[in-house]
Amino acid sequence: MVVPLITNFMLTALFVPAIKPVPTYDTTYGVFGNSIFSELYYTHPLVYVLLYLFVDFLFCGALTCLTMLSASFIKYKWINCILPFVVCMGIALLGNIICSNEPEAVNYQLSPFYFTKCVQTSYPTKLSIIVGMLLLIVIVTVVFNTVFMRKKDIM
């Protein structure tokens, strides 16, 4: 996941001019006023992209650690390969159940499927949600590793 993102960013930088985005044209950018880090996007777009790449790298690493942990419990390799997708889909389903359809309700994205994208899909997200989901995945991995893997030698 890391190499394709960096390759995509470098190839896009070859063909798309590096201009500072104008807030009046925000319908073409996908970053709106209530999007996370929108102030950073309109002032320093390169820092904004690098920050989102960093968030993507953190989540890929956390989901990889979760997959490595599950490999010691689950003997079928294909289940371990789809485990990050299943975890993200479960979080997305939970987020869709929690979100309200009321017009005045304030909803936020809970799934890594949506808040690891640089653009706002349907609902905005908050930094506390990103940090919370990352900490949740890391804490689950560390707790399961310390409790269940105490007597197993991984190497």
N, C-alpha and C. Protein backbone atom coordinates (compact mmCIF):
# COMPACT_ATOMS: atom_id res chain seq x y z
N MET A 1 0.81 -1.19 0.00
CA MET A 1 0.00 0.00 0.00
C MET A 1 0.86 1.26 0.00
N VAL A 2 2.05 1.17 0.56
CA VAL A 2 2.90 2.35 0.67
C VAL A 2 3.54 2.70 -0.67
N VAL A 3 4.08 1.70 -1.34
CA VAL A 3 4.76 1.96 -2.61
C VAL A 3 3.81 2.48 -3.68
N PRO A 4 2.60 1.92 -3.84
CA PRO A 4 1.68 2.50 -4.83
C PRO A 4 1.29 3.95 -4.53
N LEU A 5 1.13 4.30 -3.25
CA LEU A 5 0.78 5.68 -2.91
C LEU A 5 1.89 6.64 -3.27
N ILE A 6 3.12 6.27 -2.94
CA ILE A 6 4.25 7.15 -3.27
C ILE A 6 4.44 7.24 -4.78
N THR A 7 4.30 6.11 -5.48
CA THR A 7 4.42 6.12 -6.94
C THR A 7 3.32 6.98 -7.56
N ASN A 8 2.11 6.86 -7.08
CA ASN A 8 1.00 7.67 -7.59
C ASN A 8 1.27 9.14 -7.34
N PHE A 9 1.75 9.49 -6.17
CA PHE A 9 2.04 10.89 -5.86
C PHE A 9 3.14 11.44 -6.77
N MET A 10 4.18 10.66 -7.00
CA MET A 10 5.28 11.14 -7.85
C MET A 10 4.86 11.26 -9.31
N LEU A 11 4.08 10.30 -9.80
CA LEU A 11 3.62 10.38 -11.19
C LEU A 11 2.62 11.51 -11.39
N THR A 12 1.78 11.75 -10.40
CA THR A 12 0.84 12.87 -10.50
C THR A 12 1.59 14.19 -10.48
N ALA A 13 2.64 14.27 -9.69
CA ALA A 13 3.44 15.50 -9.63
C ALA A 13 4.14 15.80 -10.96
N LEU A 14 4.34 14.77 -11.78
CA LEU A 14 4.96 14.99 -13.09
C LEU A 14 4.01 15.69 -14.06
N PHE A 15 2.72 15.44 -13.93
CA PHE A 15 1.78 15.91 -14.94
C PHE A 15 0.83 17.00 -14.48
N VAL A 16 0.58 17.09 -13.19
CA VAL A 16 -0.34 18.10 -12.67
C VAL A 16 0.48 19.27 -12.14
N PRO A 17 0.17 20.46 -12.55
CA PRO A 17 0.96 21.61 -12.07
C PRO A 17 0.79 21.83 -10.57
N ALA A 18 1.86 22.23 -9.93
CA ALA A 18 1.85 22.46 -8.48
C ALA A 18 1.40 23.89 -8.20
N ILE A 19 0.11 24.10 -8.23
CA ILE A 19 -0.43 25.43 -7.94
C ILE A 19 -1.14 25.38 -6.59
N LYS A 20 -1.21 26.50 -5.96
CA LYS A 20 -1.92 26.58 -4.68
C LYS A 20 -3.41 26.60 -4.97
N PRO A 21 -4.19 25.73 -4.31
CA PRO A 21 -5.63 25.68 -4.58
C PRO A 21 -6.34 26.95 -4.11
N VAL A 22 -7.36 27.31 -4.84
CA VAL A 22 -8.15 28.50 -4.52
C VAL A 22 -9.45 28.04 -3.86
N PRO A 23 -9.79 28.59 -2.68
CA PRO A 23 -10.99 28.12 -1.98
C PRO A 23 -12.30 28.33 -2.73
N THR A 24 -12.35 29.27 -3.67
CA THR A 24 -13.60 29.47 -4.41
C THR A 24 -13.89 28.35 -5.39
N TYR A 25 -12.87 27.57 -5.73
CA TYR A 25 -13.05 26.43 -6.64
C TYR A 25 -13.10 25.12 -5.86
N ASP A 26 -13.63 25.13 -4.65
CA ASP A 26 -13.56 23.95 -3.81
C ASP A 26 -14.41 22.79 -4.28
N THR A 27 -15.26 22.98 -5.27
CA THR A 27 -16.05 21.86 -5.76
C THR A 27 -15.21 20.89 -6.58
N THR A 28 -14.12 21.34 -7.14
CA THR A 28 -13.27 20.44 -7.92
C THR A 28 -12.20 19.77 -7.08
N TYR A 29 -11.91 20.28 -5.89
CA TYR A 29 -10.83 19.72 -5.08
C TYR A 29 -11.30 18.60 -4.16
N GLY A 30 -12.49 18.67 -3.65
CA GLY A 30 -12.98 17.67 -2.71
C GLY A 30 -12.60 17.95 -1.28
N VAL A 31 -11.92 19.06 -1.02
CA VAL A 31 -11.58 19.46 0.35
C VAL A 31 -12.39 20.70 0.65
N PHE A 32 -13.34 20.55 1.55
CA PHE A 32 -14.27 21.64 1.86
C PHE A 32 -13.87 22.32 3.16
N GLY A 33 -14.59 23.34 3.52
CA GLY A 33 -14.26 24.11 4.72
C GLY A 33 -14.36 23.32 6.00
N ASN A 34 -15.25 22.31 6.06
CA ASN A 34 -15.37 21.51 7.27
C ASN A 34 -14.53 20.24 7.24
N SER A 35 -13.74 20.06 6.18
CA SER A 35 -12.85 18.90 6.09
C SER A 35 -11.70 19.04 7.07
N ILE A 36 -11.17 17.92 7.48
CA ILE A 36 -10.04 17.95 8.40
C ILE A 36 -8.80 18.47 7.67
N PHE A 37 -8.06 19.29 8.31
CA PHE A 37 -6.84 19.91 7.78
C PHE A 37 -7.10 20.77 6.54
N SER A 38 -8.32 21.31 6.38
CA SER A 38 -8.61 22.10 5.19
C SER A 38 -7.80 23.40 5.15
N GLU A 39 -7.51 23.98 6.32
CA GLU A 39 -6.68 25.19 6.35
C GLU A 39 -5.28 24.89 5.84
N LEU A 40 -4.78 23.73 6.21
CA LEU A 40 -3.45 23.32 5.76
C LEU A 40 -3.45 23.06 4.25
N TYR A 41 -4.54 22.52 3.74
CA TYR A 41 -4.63 22.24 2.31
C TYR A 41 -4.55 23.51 1.48
N TYR A 42 -5.26 24.54 1.90
CA TYR A 42 -5.30 25.76 1.11
C TYR A 42 -4.08 26.65 1.32
N THR A 43 -3.27 26.39 2.34
CA THR A 43 -2.05 27.19 2.54
C THR A 43 -0.80 26.44 2.10
N HIS A 44 -0.70 25.15 2.47
CA HIS A 44 0.47 24.33 2.13
C HIS A 44 0.01 22.96 1.62
N PRO A 45 -0.33 22.85 0.35
CA PRO A 45 -0.89 21.60 -0.17
C PRO A 45 0.08 20.41 -0.08
N LEU A 46 1.36 20.65 -0.25
CA LEU A 46 2.33 19.54 -0.19
C LEU A 46 2.39 18.96 1.22
N VAL A 47 2.37 19.81 2.22
CA VAL A 47 2.38 19.34 3.62
C VAL A 47 1.11 18.55 3.91
N TYR A 48 -0.02 19.00 3.34
CA TYR A 48 -1.29 18.30 3.50
C TYR A 48 -1.21 16.89 2.93
N VAL A 49 -0.66 16.75 1.74
CA VAL A 49 -0.55 15.43 1.12
C VAL A 49 0.42 14.55 1.90
N LEU A 50 1.54 15.11 2.34
CA LEU A 50 2.50 14.33 3.12
C LEU A 50 1.91 13.91 4.45
N LEU A 51 1.09 14.74 5.06
CA LEU A 51 0.43 14.38 6.31
C LEU A 51 -0.54 13.22 6.09
N TYR A 52 -1.29 13.27 5.00
CA TYR A 52 -2.20 12.16 4.72
C TYR A 52 -1.45 10.90 4.34
N LEU A 53 -0.33 11.01 3.67
CA LEU A 53 0.49 9.83 3.41
C LEU A 53 0.98 9.23 4.71
N PHE A 54 1.36 10.07 5.68
CA PHE A 54 1.79 9.59 6.98
C PHE A 54 0.66 8.86 7.71
N VAL A 55 -0.55 9.40 7.65
CA VAL A 55 -1.71 8.74 8.26
C VAL A 55 -1.96 7.39 7.59
N ASP A 56 -1.87 7.34 6.28
CA ASP A 56 -2.04 6.08 5.56
C ASP A 56 -0.98 5.07 5.95
N PHE A 57 0.26 5.51 6.09
CA PHE A 57 1.34 4.61 6.46
C PHE A 57 1.12 4.06 7.87
N LEU A 58 0.66 4.90 8.79
CA LEU A 58 0.38 4.44 10.15
C LEU A 58 -0.72 3.39 10.17
N PHE A 59 -1.81 3.63 9.42
CA PHE A 59 -2.89 2.66 9.42
C PHE A 59 -2.51 1.38 8.71
N CYS A 60 -1.74 1.47 7.66
CA CYS A 60 -1.28 0.25 6.99
C CYS A 60 -0.40 -0.57 7.93
N GLY A 61 0.46 0.08 8.67
CA GLY A 61 1.31 -0.62 9.63
C GLY A 61 0.52 -1.25 10.75
N ALA A 62 -0.48 -0.54 11.27
CA ALA A 62 -1.30 -1.08 12.35
C ALA A 62 -2.12 -2.28 11.87
N LEU A 63 -2.69 -2.18 10.68
CA LEU A 63 -3.45 -3.31 10.15
C LEU A 63 -2.55 -4.49 9.81
N THR A 64 -1.32 -4.22 9.41
CA THR A 64 -0.37 -5.30 9.14
C THR A 64 0.00 -6.02 10.43
N CYS A 65 0.18 -5.27 11.51
CA CYS A 65 0.47 -5.89 12.80
C CYS A 65 -0.71 -6.75 13.26
N LEU A 66 -1.91 -6.29 13.01
CA LEU A 66 -3.10 -7.07 13.35
C LEU A 66 -3.15 -8.37 12.53
N THR A 67 -2.76 -8.29 11.28
CA THR A 67 -2.73 -9.47 10.42
C THR A 67 -1.64 -10.44 10.86
N MET A 68 -0.48 -9.91 11.22
CA MET A 68 0.59 -10.79 11.70
C MET A 68 0.19 -11.49 12.99
N LEU A 69 -0.53 -10.81 13.85
CA LEU A 69 -1.00 -11.42 15.09
C LEU A 69 -2.03 -12.51 14.79
N SER A 70 -2.91 -12.26 13.87
CA SER A 70 -3.94 -13.26 13.55
C SER A 70 -3.35 -14.48 12.86
N ALA A 71 -2.19 -14.34 12.24
CA ALA A 71 -1.56 -15.47 11.55
C ALA A 71 -1.16 -16.56 12.53
N SER A 72 -0.96 -16.21 13.78
CA SER A 72 -0.61 -17.24 14.76
C SER A 72 -1.84 -17.98 15.27
N PHE A 73 -3.04 -17.44 15.08
CA PHE A 73 -4.27 -18.10 15.51
C PHE A 73 -4.99 -18.80 14.37
N ILE A 74 -4.96 -18.22 13.19
CA ILE A 74 -5.73 -18.70 12.05
C ILE A 74 -4.78 -19.41 11.10
N LYS A 75 -5.11 -20.64 10.74
CA LYS A 75 -4.18 -21.40 9.91
C LYS A 75 -4.39 -21.20 8.41
N TYR A 76 -5.52 -20.64 8.01
CA TYR A 76 -5.78 -20.42 6.59
C TYR A 76 -5.21 -19.06 6.18
N LYS A 77 -4.32 -19.06 5.21
CA LYS A 77 -3.64 -17.82 4.80
C LYS A 77 -4.58 -16.82 4.15
N TRP A 78 -5.56 -17.29 3.43
CA TRP A 78 -6.45 -16.36 2.73
C TRP A 78 -7.31 -15.58 3.71
N ILE A 79 -7.62 -16.17 4.86
CA ILE A 79 -8.38 -15.43 5.86
C ILE A 79 -7.51 -14.32 6.44
N ASN A 80 -6.22 -14.61 6.66
CA ASN A 80 -5.30 -13.57 7.14
C ASN A 80 -5.11 -12.46 6.13
N CYS A 81 -5.18 -12.81 4.86
CA CYS A 81 -5.00 -11.78 3.81
C CYS A 81 -6.18 -10.82 3.76
N ILE A 82 -7.38 -11.31 4.02
CA ILE A 82 -8.55 -10.43 3.94
C ILE A 82 -8.93 -9.84 5.30
N LEU A 83 -8.20 -10.18 6.35
CA LEU A 83 -8.55 -9.67 7.68
C LEU A 83 -8.55 -8.14 7.78
N PRO A 84 -7.55 -7.41 7.24
CA PRO A 84 -7.64 -5.95 7.31
C PRO A 84 -8.88 -5.39 6.61
N PHE A 85 -9.25 -5.98 5.49
CA PHE A 85 -10.46 -5.55 4.79
C PHE A 85 -11.70 -5.80 5.64
N VAL A 86 -11.75 -6.96 6.28
CA VAL A 86 -12.91 -7.29 7.12
C VAL A 86 -12.98 -6.36 8.32
N VAL A 87 -11.85 -6.05 8.92
CA VAL A 87 -11.83 -5.13 10.07
C VAL A 87 -12.33 -3.75 9.63
N CYS A 88 -11.83 -3.25 8.51
CA CYS A 88 -12.26 -1.93 8.02
C CYS A 88 -13.73 -1.94 7.62
N MET A 89 -14.19 -3.03 7.03
CA MET A 89 -15.61 -3.13 6.68
C MET A 89 -16.49 -3.17 7.91
N GLY A 90 -16.03 -3.86 8.94
CA GLY A 90 -16.78 -3.90 10.20
C GLY A 90 -16.88 -2.53 10.84
N ILE A 91 -15.79 -1.79 10.82
CA ILE A 91 -15.81 -0.42 11.36
C ILE A 91 -16.71 0.47 10.51
N ALA A 92 -16.67 0.30 9.19
CA ALA A 92 -17.54 1.09 8.31
C ALA A 92 -19.02 0.75 8.56
N LEU A 93 -19.32 -0.52 8.75
CA LEU A 93 -20.69 -0.92 9.04
C LEU A 93 -21.15 -0.35 10.38
N LEU A 94 -20.28 -0.40 11.38
CA LEU A 94 -20.60 0.18 12.67
C LEU A 94 -20.84 1.69 12.55
N GLY A 95 -20.01 2.36 11.76
CA GLY A 95 -20.19 3.79 11.53
C GLY A 95 -21.50 4.12 10.83
N ASN A 96 -21.90 3.27 9.88
CA ASN A 96 -23.18 3.50 9.19
C ASN A 96 -24.36 3.24 10.10
N ILE A 97 -24.22 2.33 11.03
CA ILE A 97 -25.30 2.06 11.98
C ILE A 97 -25.44 3.21 12.97
N ILE A 98 -24.29 3.75 13.41
CA ILE A 98 -24.30 4.82 14.41
C ILE A 98 -24.79 6.14 13.82
N CYS A 99 -24.45 6.42 12.57
CA CYS A 99 -24.77 7.72 11.97
C CYS A 99 -26.28 7.90 11.85
N SER A 100 -26.70 9.11 12.07
CA SER A 100 -28.12 9.45 12.03
C SER A 100 -28.46 10.07 10.68
N ASN A 101 -29.69 9.88 10.25
CA ASN A 101 -30.14 10.47 9.00
C ASN A 101 -30.88 11.78 9.20
N GLU A 102 -30.91 12.26 10.41
CA GLU A 102 -31.57 13.53 10.70
C GLU A 102 -30.80 14.68 10.04
N PRO A 103 -31.48 15.68 9.50
CA PRO A 103 -30.78 16.78 8.82
C PRO A 103 -29.88 17.59 9.75
N GLU A 104 -30.26 17.74 11.01
CA GLU A 104 -29.45 18.57 11.91
C GLU A 104 -28.39 17.77 12.65
N ALA A 105 -28.33 16.47 12.44
CA ALA A 105 -27.35 15.63 13.13
C ALA A 105 -25.96 15.86 12.56
N VAL A 106 -24.97 15.81 13.43
CA VAL A 106 -23.58 15.95 13.01
C VAL A 106 -22.96 14.56 13.03
N ASN A 107 -22.60 14.06 11.87
CA ASN A 107 -22.01 12.73 11.74
C ASN A 107 -20.56 12.85 11.30
N TYR A 108 -19.76 11.87 11.70
CA TYR A 108 -18.35 11.85 11.34
C TYR A 108 -17.99 10.47 10.79
N GLN A 109 -16.99 10.44 9.94
CA GLN A 109 -16.50 9.17 9.39
C GLN A 109 -15.74 8.41 10.47
N LEU A 110 -16.02 7.13 10.62
CA LEU A 110 -15.34 6.30 11.60
C LEU A 110 -14.42 5.27 10.97
N SER A 111 -14.59 5.00 9.70
CA SER A 111 -13.86 3.91 9.06
C SER A 111 -12.58 4.40 8.38
N PRO A 112 -11.50 3.60 8.48
CA PRO A 112 -10.29 3.94 7.73
C PRO A 112 -10.49 3.95 6.22
N PHE A 113 -11.54 3.29 5.73
CA PHE A 113 -11.84 3.36 4.30
C PHE A 113 -12.03 4.79 3.84
N TYR A 114 -12.62 5.61 4.70
CA TYR A 114 -13.00 6.95 4.31
C TYR A 114 -12.06 8.03 4.80
N PHE A 115 -11.58 7.94 6.04
CA PHE A 115 -10.78 9.05 6.53
C PHE A 115 -9.31 8.94 6.16
N THR A 116 -8.87 7.87 5.51
CA THR A 116 -7.51 7.85 4.99
C THR A 116 -7.43 8.43 3.58
N LYS A 117 -8.55 8.79 3.01
CA LYS A 117 -8.54 9.47 1.72
C LYS A 117 -8.30 10.95 1.95
N CYS A 118 -7.66 11.58 1.00
CA CYS A 118 -7.34 13.01 1.13
C CYS A 118 -8.57 13.89 0.92
N VAL A 119 -9.63 13.34 0.39
CA VAL A 119 -10.83 14.13 0.12
C VAL A 119 -11.96 13.65 1.03
N GLN A 120 -12.90 14.52 1.26
CA GLN A 120 -14.04 14.20 2.10
C GLN A 120 -15.07 13.46 1.25
N THR A 121 -15.45 12.25 1.68
CA THR A 121 -16.39 11.47 0.88
C THR A 121 -17.83 11.89 1.14
N SER A 122 -18.35 11.65 2.32
CA SER A 122 -19.71 12.07 2.62
C SER A 122 -19.79 12.86 3.91
N TYR A 123 -19.16 12.38 4.97
CA TYR A 123 -19.13 13.08 6.24
C TYR A 123 -17.70 13.51 6.54
N PRO A 124 -17.52 14.58 7.27
CA PRO A 124 -16.15 14.95 7.67
C PRO A 124 -15.65 14.03 8.78
N THR A 125 -14.38 14.12 9.07
CA THR A 125 -13.81 13.36 10.18
C THR A 125 -13.10 14.31 11.12
N LYS A 126 -12.73 13.80 12.26
CA LYS A 126 -12.02 14.60 13.25
C LYS A 126 -10.70 13.92 13.56
N LEU A 127 -9.74 14.71 14.01
CA LEU A 127 -8.43 14.17 14.36
C LEU A 127 -8.56 13.19 15.53
N SER A 128 -9.47 13.46 16.44
CA SER A 128 -9.64 12.55 17.58
C SER A 128 -10.14 11.17 17.13
N ILE A 129 -10.93 11.12 16.07
CA ILE A 129 -11.41 9.83 15.55
C ILE A 129 -10.26 9.07 14.92
N ILE A 130 -9.42 9.77 14.16
CA ILE A 130 -8.27 9.11 13.52
C ILE A 130 -7.33 8.55 14.58
N VAL A 131 -6.99 9.37 15.57
CA VAL A 131 -6.09 8.92 16.63
C VAL A 131 -6.73 7.80 17.44
N GLY A 132 -8.03 7.91 17.71
CA GLY A 132 -8.73 6.88 18.47
C GLY A 132 -8.77 5.55 17.76
N MET A 133 -9.05 5.54 16.48
CA MET A 133 -9.06 4.28 15.72
C MET A 133 -7.67 3.67 15.64
N LEU A 134 -6.67 4.51 15.46
CA LEU A 134 -5.30 4.00 15.42
C LEU A 134 -4.90 3.40 16.77
N LEU A 135 -5.23 4.11 17.85
CA LEU A 135 -4.93 3.58 19.18
C LEU A 135 -5.71 2.31 19.48
N LEU A 136 -6.95 2.23 19.03
CA LEU A 136 -7.74 1.02 19.23
C LEU A 136 -7.10 -0.18 18.56
N ILE A 137 -6.68 -0.03 17.33
CA ILE A 137 -6.05 -1.13 16.61
C ILE A 137 -4.73 -1.52 17.27
N VAL A 138 -3.93 -0.53 17.66
CA VAL A 138 -2.65 -0.81 18.30
C VAL A 138 -2.85 -1.47 19.66
N ILE A 139 -3.79 -0.99 20.45
CA ILE A 139 -4.04 -1.56 21.78
C ILE A 139 -4.54 -2.99 21.67
N VAL A 140 -5.45 -3.27 20.74
CA VAL A 140 -5.93 -4.64 20.54
C VAL A 140 -4.77 -5.54 20.15
N THR A 141 -3.90 -5.08 19.27
CA THR A 141 -2.76 -5.88 18.85
C THR A 141 -1.81 -6.14 20.01
N VAL A 142 -1.49 -5.12 20.78
CA VAL A 142 -0.54 -5.28 21.89
C VAL A 142 -1.13 -6.16 22.98
N VAL A 143 -2.41 -5.98 23.31
CA VAL A 143 -3.03 -6.78 24.37
C VAL A 143 -3.10 -8.25 23.96
N PHE A 144 -3.54 -8.53 22.75
CA PHE A 144 -3.59 -9.92 22.31
C PHE A 144 -2.20 -10.52 22.23
N ASN A 145 -1.23 -9.74 21.83
CA ASN A 145 0.13 -10.25 21.72
C ASN A 145 0.71 -10.56 23.10
N THR A 146 0.48 -9.70 24.07
CA THR A 146 1.04 -9.94 25.40
C THR A 146 0.28 -11.02 26.16
N VAL A 147 -1.03 -11.13 25.96
CA VAL A 147 -1.81 -12.10 26.71
C VAL A 147 -1.72 -13.50 26.10
N PHE A 148 -1.96 -13.61 24.80
CA PHE A 148 -2.05 -14.92 24.19
C PHE A 148 -0.74 -15.45 23.64
N MET A 149 0.19 -14.59 23.35
CA MET A 149 1.43 -15.03 22.73
C MET A 149 2.59 -15.09 23.72
N ARG A 150 2.30 -15.10 24.99
CA ARG A 150 3.36 -15.08 25.99
C ARG A 150 4.21 -16.35 25.93
N LYS A 151 3.57 -17.49 25.68
CA LYS A 151 4.31 -18.75 25.71
C LYS A 151 4.76 -19.23 24.33
N LYS A 152 4.38 -18.52 23.29
CA LYS A 152 4.77 -18.92 21.94
C LYS A 152 5.98 -18.13 21.50
N ASP A 153 6.89 -18.79 20.85
CA ASP A 153 8.05 -18.13 20.30
C ASP A 153 7.79 -17.86 18.84
N ILE A 154 7.85 -16.61 18.46
CA ILE A 154 7.53 -16.24 17.08
C ILE A 154 8.69 -16.52 16.15
N MET A 155 9.90 -16.31 16.59
CA MET A 155 11.06 -16.52 15.73
C MET A 155 11.45 -17.96 15.65
